[in-house]
């Protein structure tokens, strides 16, 4: 027999799942999902109850779908760009992803020059892009290691003109499936392409030496000053159970808390 507590939880879960994943319903859907997730995460019996875990996973998957849709629909002039130290931020994102994926026998390794790599970005959108690429590699490639690397493309006078982020993993790249996903509003591929464009960059996919490779090129900016953005570190990303790390990687880490 259901308890009153479970009946109330089930009702709110059904209500949240019934809200359409559309931009005009973004606020209502986020409020419903965040409220439900808060109650689920506060329950002491969460880890021992597969039913509650499946509810939490469904909430995170729905938030992920909404985030990809909102990025795809975002206007070019919003949100404002800020100055971000990409190397440090990317390394912390990779460290958090590695901590979650290693329980499944997968690893995320980050490789980049020691020098700083600054660019004008939308920090949240860039962070989501990195996590989305890692998630796609974990979902569609079979290699144990996912390598995330950064390279600096120099201009005249040894000034950095662009930063190239590459995510690769051993596996086959299905170009037809990738192209179809890129045409579907709200898909992860479409969101990555749109996010790169919002950062004034480009994204491409290729297969090389038995590995599926995704590369994003982001130009640096020296023409005007930007406000510095204080990005969260790896500990903050993992301690915050509402963090984009848990949402973006939900298809591959499941209900890991």
C-alpha atoms as a PDB file:
ATOM      1  CA  UNK A   1       0.000   0.000   0.000  1.00  0.00           C
ATOM      2  CA  UNK A   2       1.286   3.461  -0.853  1.00  0.00           C
ATOM      3  CA  UNK A   3       1.961   5.845   1.961  1.00  0.00           C
ATOM      4  CA  UNK A   4       0.637   9.404   1.854  1.00  0.00           C
ATOM      5  CA  UNK A   5       4.224  10.642   1.457  1.00  0.00           C
ATOM      6  CA  UNK A   6       4.752   8.466  -1.605  1.00  0.00           C
ATOM      7  CA  UNK A   7       1.413   9.465  -3.104  1.00  0.00           C
ATOM      8  CA  UNK A   8       2.367  13.133  -2.833  1.00  0.00           C
ATOM      9  CA  UNK A   9       5.790  12.466  -4.317  1.00  0.00           C
ATOM     10  CA  UNK A  10       4.307  10.477  -7.177  1.00  0.00           C
ATOM     11  CA  UNK A  11       1.802  13.228  -7.931  1.00  0.00           C
ATOM     12  CA  UNK A  12       4.500  15.910  -8.115  1.00  0.00           C
ATOM     13  CA  UNK A  13       6.670  13.636 -10.227  1.00  0.00           C
ATOM     14  CA  UNK A  14       3.857  13.054 -12.732  1.00  0.00           C
ATOM     15  CA  UNK A  15       3.140  16.771 -12.794  1.00  0.00           C
ATOM     16  CA  UNK A  16       6.783  17.616 -13.517  1.00  0.00           C
ATOM     17  CA  UNK A  17       7.016  14.975 -16.243  1.00  0.00           C
ATOM     18  CA  UNK A  18       3.834  16.305 -17.871  1.00  0.00           C
ATOM     19  CA  UNK A  19       5.218  19.826 -18.353  1.00  0.00           C
ATOM     20  CA  UNK A  20       6.345  20.079 -22.006  1.00  0.00           C
ATOM     21  CA  UNK A  21      10.062  20.528 -22.620  1.00  0.00           C
ATOM     22  CA  UNK A  22       9.661  23.814 -24.449  1.00  0.00           C
ATOM     23  CA  UNK A  23      11.300  27.201 -23.959  1.00  0.00           C
ATOM     24  CA  UNK A  24       8.011  28.877 -23.017  1.00  0.00           C
ATOM     25  CA  UNK A  25       7.652  26.421 -20.124  1.00  0.00           C
ATOM     26  CA  UNK A  26      11.286  26.715 -18.953  1.00  0.00           C
ATOM     27  CA  UNK A  27      10.628  28.538 -15.674  1.00  0.00           C
ATOM     28  CA  UNK A  28       7.746  26.287 -14.624  1.00  0.00           C
ATOM     29  CA  UNK A  29       9.653  23.143 -15.536  1.00  0.00           C
ATOM     30  CA  UNK A  30      12.832  24.192 -13.727  1.00  0.00           C
ATOM     31  CA  UNK A  31      10.894  25.090 -10.583  1.00  0.00           C
ATOM     32  CA  UNK A  32       9.019  21.795 -10.596  1.00  0.00           C
ATOM     33  CA  UNK A  33      12.134  19.707 -11.211  1.00  0.00           C
ATOM     34  CA  UNK A  34      14.345  21.559  -8.721  1.00  0.00           C
ATOM     35  CA  UNK A  35      11.698  21.278  -6.004  1.00  0.00           C
ATOM     36  CA  UNK A  36      11.261  17.576  -6.640  1.00  0.00           C
ATOM     37  CA  UNK A  37      15.004  16.951  -6.756  1.00  0.00           C
ATOM     38  CA  UNK A  38      15.440  18.785  -3.466  1.00  0.00           C
ATOM     39  CA  UNK A  39      12.940  16.508  -1.768  1.00  0.00           C
ATOM     40  CA  UNK A  40      14.465  13.382  -3.279  1.00  0.00           C
ATOM     41  CA  UNK A  41      18.024  14.346  -2.336  1.00  0.00           C
ATOM     42  CA  UNK A  42      16.919  15.049   1.231  1.00  0.00           C
ATOM     43  CA  UNK A  43      15.469  11.572   1.731  1.00  0.00           C
ATOM     44  CA  UNK A  44      17.575   9.229   3.832  1.00  0.00           C
ATOM     45  CA  UNK A  45      16.248   6.202   1.969  1.00  0.00           C
ATOM     46  CA  UNK A  46      17.218   7.509  -1.488  1.00  0.00           C
ATOM     47  CA  UNK A  47      20.254   5.295  -2.063  1.00  0.00           C
ATOM     48  CA  UNK A  48      18.422   2.180  -0.899  1.00  0.00           C
ATOM     49  CA  UNK A  49      15.294   2.785  -2.955  1.00  0.00           C
ATOM     50  CA  UNK A  50      15.546   2.136  -6.737  1.00  0.00           C
ATOM     51  CA  UNK A  51      12.193   3.819  -7.283  1.00  0.00           C
ATOM     52  CA  UNK A  52      13.374   7.113  -5.796  1.00  0.00           C
ATOM     53  CA  UNK A  53      16.660   6.850  -7.682  1.00  0.00           C
ATOM     54  CA  UNK A  54      14.799   6.430 -10.972  1.00  0.00           C
ATOM     55  CA  UNK A  55      12.771   9.553 -10.187  1.00  0.00           C
ATOM     56  CA  UNK A  56      15.956  11.541  -9.546  1.00  0.00           C
ATOM     57  CA  UNK A  57      17.513  10.279 -12.779  1.00  0.00           C
ATOM     58  CA  UNK A  58      14.380  11.191 -14.739  1.00  0.00           C
ATOM     59  CA  UNK A  59      14.538  14.718 -13.309  1.00  0.00           C
ATOM     60  CA  UNK A  60      18.175  15.135 -14.317  1.00  0.00           C
ATOM     61  CA  UNK A  61      17.558  13.751 -17.803  1.00  0.00           C
ATOM     62  CA  UNK A  62      14.662  16.153 -18.291  1.00  0.00           C
ATOM     63  CA  UNK A  63      16.798  19.084 -17.102  1.00  0.00           C
ATOM     64  CA  UNK A  64      19.489  18.021 -19.556  1.00  0.00           C
ATOM     65  CA  UNK A  65      16.985  17.965 -22.411  1.00  0.00           C
ATOM     66  CA  UNK A  66      15.703  21.404 -21.391  1.00  0.00           C
ATOM     67  CA  UNK A  67      19.231  22.829 -21.179  1.00  0.00           C
ATOM     68  CA  UNK A  68      20.095  21.606 -24.675  1.00  0.00           C
ATOM     69  CA  UNK A  69      16.870  23.076 -26.025  1.00  0.00           C
ATOM     70  CA  UNK A  70      17.429  26.448 -24.338  1.00  0.00           C
ATOM     71  CA  UNK A  71      20.989  26.662 -25.640  1.00  0.00           C
ATOM     72  CA  UNK A  72      19.794  25.867 -29.151  1.00  0.00           C
ATOM     73  CA  UNK A  73      17.174  28.615 -28.954  1.00  0.00           C
ATOM     74  CA  UNK A  74      19.373  31.222 -27.256  1.00  0.00           C
ATOM     75  CA  UNK A  75      19.793  34.570 -28.974  1.00  0.00           C
ATOM     76  CA  UNK A  76      23.255  35.598 -30.137  1.00  0.00           C
ATOM     77  CA  UNK A  77      23.407  38.631 -27.841  1.00  0.00           C
ATOM     78  CA  UNK A  78      22.595  36.828 -24.594  1.00  0.00           C
ATOM     79  CA  UNK A  79      24.071  36.125 -22.145  1.00  0.00           C
ATOM     80  CA  UNK A  80      27.032  38.549 -22.064  1.00  0.00           C
ATOM     81  CA  UNK A  81      30.559  37.263 -22.559  1.00  0.00           C
ATOM     82  CA  UNK A  82      33.037  37.285 -19.675  1.00  0.00           C
ATOM     83  CA  UNK A  83      36.773  36.684 -19.471  1.00  0.00           C
ATOM     84  CA  UNK A  84      37.495  33.075 -18.500  1.00  0.00           C
ATOM     85  CA  UNK A  85      40.725  31.199 -17.868  1.00  0.00           C
ATOM     86  CA  UNK A  86      39.786  28.217 -20.036  1.00  0.00           C
ATOM     87  CA  UNK A  87      42.627  25.932 -19.029  1.00  0.00           C
ATOM     88  CA  UNK A  88      41.828  25.958 -15.314  1.00  0.00           C
ATOM     89  CA  UNK A  89      38.084  25.757 -15.857  1.00  0.00           C
ATOM     90  CA  UNK A  90      38.346  22.875 -18.341  1.00  0.00           C
ATOM     91  CA  UNK A  91      40.742  20.956 -16.101  1.00  0.00           C
ATOM     92  CA  UNK A  92      38.335  21.200 -13.151  1.00  0.00           C
ATOM     93  CA  UNK A  93      35.401  20.061 -15.303  1.00  0.00           C
ATOM     94  CA  UNK A  94      37.437  17.094 -16.521  1.00  0.00           C
ATOM     95  CA  UNK A  95      38.477  16.247 -12.966  1.00  0.00           C
ATOM     96  CA  UNK A  96      34.854  16.198 -11.805  1.00  0.00           C
ATOM     97  CA  UNK A  97      33.792  14.101 -14.796  1.00  0.00           C
ATOM     98  CA  UNK A  98      36.680  11.688 -14.205  1.00  0.00           C
ATOM     99  CA  UNK A  99      35.643  11.227 -10.571  1.00  0.00           C
ATOM    100  CA  UNK A 100      32.118  10.236 -11.646  1.00  0.00           C
ATOM    101  CA  UNK A 101      33.029   8.062 -14.633  1.00  0.00           C
ATOM    102  CA  UNK A 102      35.875   6.117 -13.012  1.00  0.00           C
ATOM    103  CA  UNK A 103      33.299   4.087 -11.045  1.00  0.00           C
ATOM    104  CA  UNK A 104      32.255   2.646 -14.402  1.00  0.00           C
ATOM    105  CA  UNK A 105      35.781   1.894 -15.509  1.00  0.00           C
ATOM    106  CA  UNK A 106      36.084   5.013 -17.676  1.00  0.00           C
ATOM    107  CA  UNK A 107      38.621   7.795 -17.262  1.00  0.00           C
ATOM    108  CA  UNK A 108      38.803  11.417 -18.386  1.00  0.00           C
ATOM    109  CA  UNK A 109      42.321  12.723 -18.942  1.00  0.00           C
ATOM    110  CA  UNK A 110      43.133  16.384 -19.528  1.00  0.00           C
ATOM    111  CA  UNK A 111      46.191  17.529 -21.443  1.00  0.00           C
ATOM    112  CA  UNK A 112      47.168  21.140 -22.150  1.00  0.00           C
ATOM    113  CA  UNK A 113      50.160  23.482 -22.081  1.00  0.00           C
ATOM    114  CA  UNK A 114      50.923  24.995 -18.691  1.00  0.00           C
ATOM    115  CA  UNK A 115      50.394  28.549 -19.928  1.00  0.00           C
ATOM    116  CA  UNK A 116      47.122  30.365 -19.227  1.00  0.00           C
ATOM    117  CA  UNK A 117      44.443  30.255 -21.927  1.00  0.00           C
ATOM    118  CA  UNK A 118      42.068  33.216 -21.598  1.00  0.00           C
ATOM    119  CA  UNK A 119      39.096  33.957 -23.827  1.00  0.00           C
ATOM    120  CA  UNK A 120      35.825  35.895 -23.728  1.00  0.00           C
ATOM    121  CA  UNK A 121      33.106  33.293 -23.210  1.00  0.00           C
ATOM    122  CA  UNK A 122      29.738  32.612 -21.700  1.00  0.00           C
ATOM    123  CA  UNK A 123      31.106  30.541 -18.776  1.00  0.00           C
ATOM    124  CA  UNK A 124      28.018  28.413 -18.151  1.00  0.00           C
ATOM    125  CA  UNK A 125      27.516  27.642 -21.836  1.00  0.00           C
ATOM    126  CA  UNK A 126      31.187  26.750 -22.283  1.00  0.00           C
ATOM    127  CA  UNK A 127      31.129  24.477 -19.236  1.00  0.00           C
ATOM    128  CA  UNK A 128      28.040  22.748 -20.595  1.00  0.00           C
ATOM    129  CA  UNK A 129      29.768  22.293 -23.979  1.00  0.00           C
ATOM    130  CA  UNK A 130      32.753  20.534 -22.366  1.00  0.00           C
ATOM    131  CA  UNK A 131      30.514  18.229 -20.326  1.00  0.00           C
ATOM    132  CA  UNK A 132      28.259  17.471 -23.288  1.00  0.00           C
ATOM    133  CA  UNK A 133      31.247  16.414 -25.398  1.00  0.00           C
ATOM    134  CA  UNK A 134      32.524  14.166 -22.583  1.00  0.00           C
ATOM    135  CA  UNK A 135      29.057  12.663 -22.151  1.00  0.00           C
ATOM    136  CA  UNK A 136      28.735  11.940 -25.880  1.00  0.00           C
ATOM    137  CA  UNK A 137      32.164  10.306 -25.925  1.00  0.00           C
ATOM    138  CA  UNK A 138      31.213   8.107 -22.964  1.00  0.00           C
ATOM    139  CA  UNK A 139      27.888   7.170 -24.556  1.00  0.00           C
ATOM    140  CA  UNK A 140      28.948   6.460 -28.117  1.00  0.00           C
ATOM    141  CA  UNK A 141      32.597   5.354 -27.854  1.00  0.00           C
ATOM    142  CA  UNK A 142      33.990   2.217 -26.229  1.00  0.00           C
ATOM    143  CA  UNK A 143      37.469   3.336 -25.213  1.00  0.00           C
ATOM    144  CA  UNK A 144      38.361   3.333 -21.535  1.00  0.00           C
ATOM    145  CA  UNK A 145      40.005   6.762 -21.729  1.00  0.00           C
ATOM    146  CA  UNK A 146      38.418   9.996 -22.902  1.00  0.00           C
ATOM    147  CA  UNK A 147      41.147  12.496 -23.729  1.00  0.00           C
ATOM    148  CA  UNK A 148      40.344  16.207 -23.486  1.00  0.00           C
ATOM    149  CA  UNK A 149      43.111  18.434 -24.785  1.00  0.00           C
ATOM    150  CA  UNK A 150      43.702  22.110 -25.504  1.00  0.00           C
ATOM    151  CA  UNK A 151      46.022  23.732 -28.023  1.00  0.00           C
ATOM    152  CA  UNK A 152      46.881  27.370 -28.640  1.00  0.00           C
ATOM    153  CA  UNK A 153      46.819  28.687 -32.198  1.00  0.00           C
ATOM    154  CA  UNK A 154      49.237  31.566 -32.511  1.00  0.00           C
ATOM    155  CA  UNK A 155      48.917  34.746 -34.553  1.00  0.00           C
ATOM    156  CA  UNK A 156      51.594  37.231 -35.438  1.00  0.00           C
ATOM    157  CA  UNK A 157      53.894  38.493 -32.670  1.00  0.00           C
ATOM    158  CA  UNK A 158      53.317  35.190 -30.830  1.00  0.00           C
ATOM    159  CA  UNK A 159      49.888  36.239 -29.637  1.00  0.00           C
ATOM    160  CA  UNK A 160      47.273  33.547 -29.085  1.00  0.00           C
ATOM    161  CA  UNK A 161      44.598  33.942 -31.743  1.00  0.00           C
ATOM    162  CA  UNK A 162      42.413  30.944 -30.890  1.00  0.00           C
ATOM    163  CA  UNK A 163      42.121  28.023 -28.499  1.00  0.00           C
ATOM    164  CA  UNK A 164      41.170  24.576 -29.803  1.00  0.00           C
ATOM    165  CA  UNK A 165      39.462  22.123 -27.453  1.00  0.00           C
ATOM    166  CA  UNK A 166      39.541  18.476 -28.575  1.00  0.00           C
ATOM    167  CA  UNK A 167      37.690  15.507 -27.070  1.00  0.00           C
ATOM    168  CA  UNK A 168      38.549  12.062 -28.393  1.00  0.00           C
ATOM    169  CA  UNK A 169      37.914   8.434 -27.514  1.00  0.00           C
ATOM    170  CA  UNK A 170      38.477   5.122 -29.249  1.00  0.00           C
ATOM    171  CA  UNK A 171      35.433   4.188 -31.284  1.00  0.00           C
ATOM    172  CA  UNK A 172      33.563   4.635 -34.556  1.00  0.00           C
ATOM    173  CA  UNK A 173      31.979   7.898 -35.628  1.00  0.00           C
ATOM    174  CA  UNK A 174      28.576   7.430 -37.273  1.00  0.00           C
ATOM    175  CA  UNK A 175      28.447  10.532 -39.484  1.00  0.00           C
ATOM    176  CA  UNK A 176      24.876   9.942 -40.686  1.00  0.00           C
ATOM    177  CA  UNK A 177      23.578   9.631 -37.148  1.00  0.00           C
ATOM    178  CA  UNK A 178      25.639  12.650 -36.101  1.00  0.00           C
ATOM    179  CA  UNK A 179      24.277  14.755 -38.959  1.00  0.00           C
ATOM    180  CA  UNK A 180      20.702  13.745 -38.162  1.00  0.00           C
ATOM    181  CA  UNK A 181      21.183  14.645 -34.488  1.00  0.00           C
ATOM    182  CA  UNK A 182      22.614  18.018 -35.479  1.00  0.00           C
ATOM    183  CA  UNK A 183      19.393  18.839 -37.325  1.00  0.00           C
ATOM    184  CA  UNK A 184      17.201  17.963 -34.340  1.00  0.00           C
ATOM    185  CA  UNK A 185      16.397  20.928 -32.119  1.00  0.00           C
ATOM    186  CA  UNK A 186      17.391  20.215 -28.535  1.00  0.00           C
ATOM    187  CA  UNK A 187      19.822  17.393 -29.284  1.00  0.00           C
ATOM    188  CA  UNK A 188      23.256  17.376 -27.685  1.00  0.00           C
ATOM    189  CA  UNK A 189      25.024  17.783 -31.036  1.00  0.00           C
ATOM    190  CA  UNK A 190      22.866  20.753 -31.975  1.00  0.00           C
ATOM    191  CA  UNK A 191      23.512  22.320 -28.564  1.00  0.00           C
ATOM    192  CA  UNK A 192      27.284  21.890 -28.959  1.00  0.00           C
ATOM    193  CA  UNK A 193      27.235  23.497 -32.402  1.00  0.00           C
ATOM    194  CA  UNK A 194      25.093  26.368 -31.156  1.00  0.00           C
ATOM    195  CA  UNK A 195      27.231  26.882 -28.048  1.00  0.00           C
ATOM    196  CA  UNK A 196      30.383  27.044 -30.156  1.00  0.00           C
ATOM    197  CA  UNK A 197      28.705  29.617 -32.385  1.00  0.00           C
ATOM    198  CA  UNK A 198      27.652  31.683 -29.362  1.00  0.00           C
ATOM    199  CA  UNK A 199      31.312  31.770 -28.305  1.00  0.00           C
ATOM    200  CA  UNK A 200      32.161  32.996 -31.832  1.00  0.00           C
ATOM    201  CA  UNK A 201      33.721  29.614 -32.536  1.00  0.00           C
ATOM    202  CA  UNK A 202      33.200  26.517 -34.659  1.00  0.00           C
ATOM    203  CA  UNK A 203      32.723  22.811 -33.945  1.00  0.00           C
ATOM    204  CA  UNK A 204      33.546  19.790 -36.065  1.00  0.00           C
ATOM    205  CA  UNK A 205      33.673  16.001 -35.754  1.00  0.00           C
ATOM    206  CA  UNK A 206      35.988  13.521 -37.473  1.00  0.00           C
ATOM    207  CA  UNK A 207      37.386  10.015 -37.177  1.00  0.00           C
ATOM    208  CA  UNK A 208      41.175   9.692 -36.798  1.00  0.00           C
ATOM    209  CA  UNK A 209      43.385   6.708 -35.988  1.00  0.00           C
ATOM    210  CA  UNK A 210      40.452   4.619 -34.783  1.00  0.00           C
ATOM    211  CA  UNK A 211      39.126   7.398 -32.566  1.00  0.00           C
ATOM    212  CA  UNK A 212      36.032   9.587 -32.733  1.00  0.00           C
ATOM    213  CA  UNK A 213      37.134  13.198 -32.358  1.00  0.00           C
ATOM    214  CA  UNK A 214      35.192  16.384 -31.605  1.00  0.00           C
ATOM    215  CA  UNK A 215      36.985  19.717 -31.851  1.00  0.00           C
ATOM    216  CA  UNK A 216      35.828  23.220 -30.912  1.00  0.00           C
ATOM    217  CA  UNK A 217      37.780  26.313 -31.916  1.00  0.00           C
ATOM    218  CA  UNK A 218      37.235  29.436 -29.782  1.00  0.00           C
ATOM    219  CA  UNK A 219      38.866  32.761 -30.742  1.00  0.00           C
ATOM    220  CA  UNK A 220      40.514  34.847 -28.058  1.00  0.00           C
ATOM    221  CA  UNK A 221      39.611  38.497 -27.742  1.00  0.00           C
ATOM    222  CA  UNK A 222      41.931  41.414 -27.042  1.00  0.00           C
ATOM    223  CA  UNK A 223      39.909  44.295 -28.457  1.00  0.00           C
ATOM    224  CA  UNK A 224      38.039  45.172 -25.288  1.00  0.00           C
ATOM    225  CA  UNK A 225      38.140  44.488 -21.586  1.00  0.00           C
ATOM    226  CA  UNK A 226      35.747  41.954 -20.138  1.00  0.00           C
ATOM    227  CA  UNK A 227      34.668  41.268 -16.598  1.00  0.00           C
ATOM    228  CA  UNK A 228      36.499  38.318 -15.042  1.00  0.00           C
ATOM    229  CA  UNK A 229      34.345  35.328 -14.156  1.00  0.00           C
ATOM    230  CA  UNK A 230      35.212  33.313 -11.051  1.00  0.00           C
ATOM    231  CA  UNK A 231      34.567  29.761 -12.191  1.00  0.00           C
ATOM    232  CA  UNK A 232      33.805  27.000  -9.662  1.00  0.00           C
ATOM    233  CA  UNK A 233      36.546  24.523  -8.844  1.00  0.00           C
ATOM    234  CA  UNK A 234      36.307  20.748  -8.954  1.00  0.00           C
ATOM    235  CA  UNK A 235      35.221  20.405  -5.323  1.00  0.00           C
ATOM    236  CA  UNK A 236      32.372  22.879  -5.775  1.00  0.00           C
ATOM    237  CA  UNK A 237      31.186  21.101  -8.910  1.00  0.00           C
ATOM    238  CA  UNK A 238      30.982  17.779  -7.077  1.00  0.00           C
ATOM    239  CA  UNK A 239      29.590  19.051  -3.776  1.00  0.00           C
ATOM    240  CA  UNK A 240      26.652  20.807  -5.449  1.00  0.00           C
ATOM    241  CA  UNK A 241      24.239  18.007  -6.340  1.00  0.00           C
ATOM    242  CA  UNK A 242      22.391  20.444  -8.616  1.00  0.00           C
ATOM    243  CA  UNK A 243      25.654  21.049 -10.479  1.00  0.00           C
ATOM    244  CA  UNK A 244      25.640  20.842 -14.300  1.00  0.00           C
ATOM    245  CA  UNK A 245      28.153  17.998 -13.939  1.00  0.00           C
ATOM    246  CA  UNK A 246      25.476  15.668 -12.573  1.00  0.00           C
ATOM    247  CA  UNK A 247      22.857  16.830 -15.069  1.00  0.00           C
ATOM    248  CA  UNK A 248      25.041  16.830 -18.188  1.00  0.00           C
ATOM    249  CA  UNK A 249      26.527  13.396 -17.402  1.00  0.00           C
ATOM    250  CA  UNK A 250      23.237  11.849 -16.210  1.00  0.00           C
ATOM    251  CA  UNK A 251      22.858   9.547 -19.261  1.00  0.00           C
ATOM    252  CA  UNK A 252      26.129   7.794 -18.381  1.00  0.00           C
ATOM    253  CA  UNK A 253      26.468   8.099 -14.591  1.00  0.00           C
ATOM    254  CA  UNK A 254      22.834   7.332 -13.816  1.00  0.00           C
ATOM    255  CA  UNK A 255      21.911   7.891 -10.171  1.00  0.00           C
ATOM    256  CA  UNK A 256      25.439   8.259  -8.796  1.00  0.00           C
ATOM    257  CA  UNK A 257      25.370  10.925  -6.101  1.00  0.00           C
END
